[in-house]
Protein backbone atom coordinates (compact mmCIF):
# COMPACT_ATOMS: atom_id res chain seq x y z
CA UNK A 1 77.41 118.40 54.09
CA UNK A 2 79.15 115.12 54.89
CA UNK A 3 77.37 112.23 56.58
CA UNK A 4 79.34 112.80 59.79
CA UNK A 5 78.32 116.45 59.90
CA UNK A 6 74.68 115.55 59.21
CA UNK A 7 74.64 113.07 62.07
CA UNK A 8 76.35 115.60 64.34
CA UNK A 9 73.67 118.17 63.48
CA UNK A 10 70.95 115.59 64.18
CA UNK A 11 72.47 114.97 67.61
CA UNK A 12 72.59 118.68 68.40
CA UNK A 13 68.97 119.20 67.34
CA UNK A 14 67.83 116.18 69.34
CA UNK A 15 69.55 117.65 72.38
CA UNK A 16 67.83 121.01 71.76
CA UNK A 17 64.35 119.43 71.60
CA UNK A 18 65.13 117.26 74.63
CA UNK A 19 65.86 120.43 76.60
CA UNK A 20 62.88 122.30 75.15
CA UNK A 21 60.29 120.00 73.51
CA UNK A 22 58.37 123.07 72.26
CA UNK A 23 61.36 124.50 70.35
CA UNK A 24 59.72 124.62 66.91
CA UNK A 25 62.77 125.77 64.95
CA UNK A 26 64.83 122.86 66.30
CA UNK A 27 62.07 120.42 65.33
CA UNK A 28 61.93 121.93 61.83
CA UNK A 29 65.71 121.72 61.48
CA UNK A 30 65.61 118.10 62.65
CA UNK A 31 62.88 117.37 60.09
CA UNK A 32 65.01 118.89 57.31
CA UNK A 33 68.00 116.80 58.40
CA UNK A 34 65.91 113.62 58.44
CA UNK A 35 64.55 114.50 55.00
CA UNK A 36 68.12 114.89 53.75
CA UNK A 37 68.95 111.48 55.23
CA UNK A 38 65.93 109.96 53.50
CA UNK A 39 64.09 109.28 56.79
CA UNK A 40 60.65 110.48 55.71
CA UNK A 41 58.71 109.15 58.71
CA UNK A 42 60.98 110.90 61.20
CA UNK A 43 60.84 114.08 59.10
CA UNK A 44 57.03 114.10 59.20
CA UNK A 45 57.03 113.57 62.97
CA UNK A 46 59.30 116.56 63.54
CA UNK A 47 57.44 118.77 61.06
CA UNK A 48 54.28 118.03 63.06
CA UNK A 49 56.08 118.89 66.29
CA UNK A 50 57.40 122.10 64.70
CA UNK A 51 53.81 123.31 64.27
CA UNK A 52 53.92 126.89 62.95
CA UNK A 53 57.55 126.58 61.86
CA UNK A 54 56.68 123.98 59.20
CA UNK A 55 54.99 125.00 55.96
CA UNK A 56 52.63 123.00 53.78
CA UNK A 57 55.46 122.84 51.20
CA UNK A 58 57.67 121.16 53.82
CA UNK A 59 55.07 118.43 54.30
CA UNK A 60 54.51 118.12 50.54
CA UNK A 61 58.24 117.60 50.02
CA UNK A 62 58.26 114.72 52.50
CA UNK A 63 55.20 113.21 50.85
CA UNK A 64 56.94 113.34 47.45
CA UNK A 65 59.96 111.62 48.96
CA UNK A 66 57.79 108.85 50.41
CA UNK A 67 56.11 108.25 47.05
CA UNK A 68 59.39 107.99 45.17
CA UNK A 69 61.04 105.81 47.83
CA UNK A 70 58.11 103.39 47.85
CA UNK A 71 58.35 103.11 44.06
CA UNK A 72 62.08 102.39 44.39
CA UNK A 73 61.49 99.48 46.72
CA UNK A 74 58.60 97.88 44.82
CA UNK A 75 59.49 94.59 43.15
CA UNK A 76 60.50 95.24 39.56
CA UNK A 77 60.65 93.25 36.36
CA UNK A 78 64.16 91.94 35.68
CA UNK A 79 64.99 94.58 33.06
CA UNK A 80 63.07 97.46 34.61
CA UNK A 81 66.05 99.09 36.36
CA UNK A 82 65.63 102.30 34.39
CA UNK A 83 62.41 103.09 36.26
CA UNK A 84 64.06 102.29 39.62
CA UNK A 85 66.91 104.65 38.76
CA UNK A 86 64.38 107.32 37.72
CA UNK A 87 62.51 107.00 41.04
CA UNK A 88 65.76 107.13 43.02
CA UNK A 89 66.72 110.30 41.16
CA UNK A 90 63.26 111.76 41.86
CA UNK A 91 63.61 110.90 45.55
CA UNK A 92 66.97 112.65 45.62
CA UNK A 93 65.53 115.72 43.94
CA UNK A 94 62.71 115.68 46.53
CA UNK A 95 65.29 116.43 49.18
CA UNK A 96 66.82 113.11 50.14
CA UNK A 97 70.56 112.97 49.85
CA UNK A 98 71.29 109.84 51.78
CA UNK A 99 73.83 107.13 51.30
CA UNK A 100 70.96 104.65 50.96
CA UNK A 101 69.58 106.43 47.88
CA UNK A 102 73.04 106.77 46.41
CA UNK A 103 73.53 103.04 46.84
CA UNK A 104 70.20 102.35 45.17
CA UNK A 105 71.18 104.53 42.22
CA UNK A 106 74.51 102.72 41.90
CA UNK A 107 72.84 99.30 42.02
CA UNK A 108 70.30 100.42 39.43
CA UNK A 109 72.98 101.76 37.13
CA UNK A 110 75.03 98.57 37.49
CA UNK A 111 72.02 96.36 36.82
CA UNK A 112 71.04 98.34 33.73
CA UNK A 113 74.62 98.07 32.48
CA UNK A 114 74.65 94.30 32.98
CA UNK A 115 71.29 93.81 31.27
């Protein structure tokens, strides 16, 4: 799904939960979209609002994403770009497919090439 389509889907889900704040499936769908965009905090919020629609695996997936993203943004030793790239790849495999993570992977790959 392209970034434009993801953002369009986010807008539609936001409209659905604005109309019916108790619409659990729309909250779960919004959480999945935010997870895909790498927005872990927003994903957790909407999983909580989804209540019965969200599974413990859904929450665990967001938690894994948060762990990997925090490791990506920690200060690193000058030649430690391999571990940053590894964490970015782990974040992507945890469900995030955002431009931000892609950019981080590209920067990591470039830095490892230059060093």
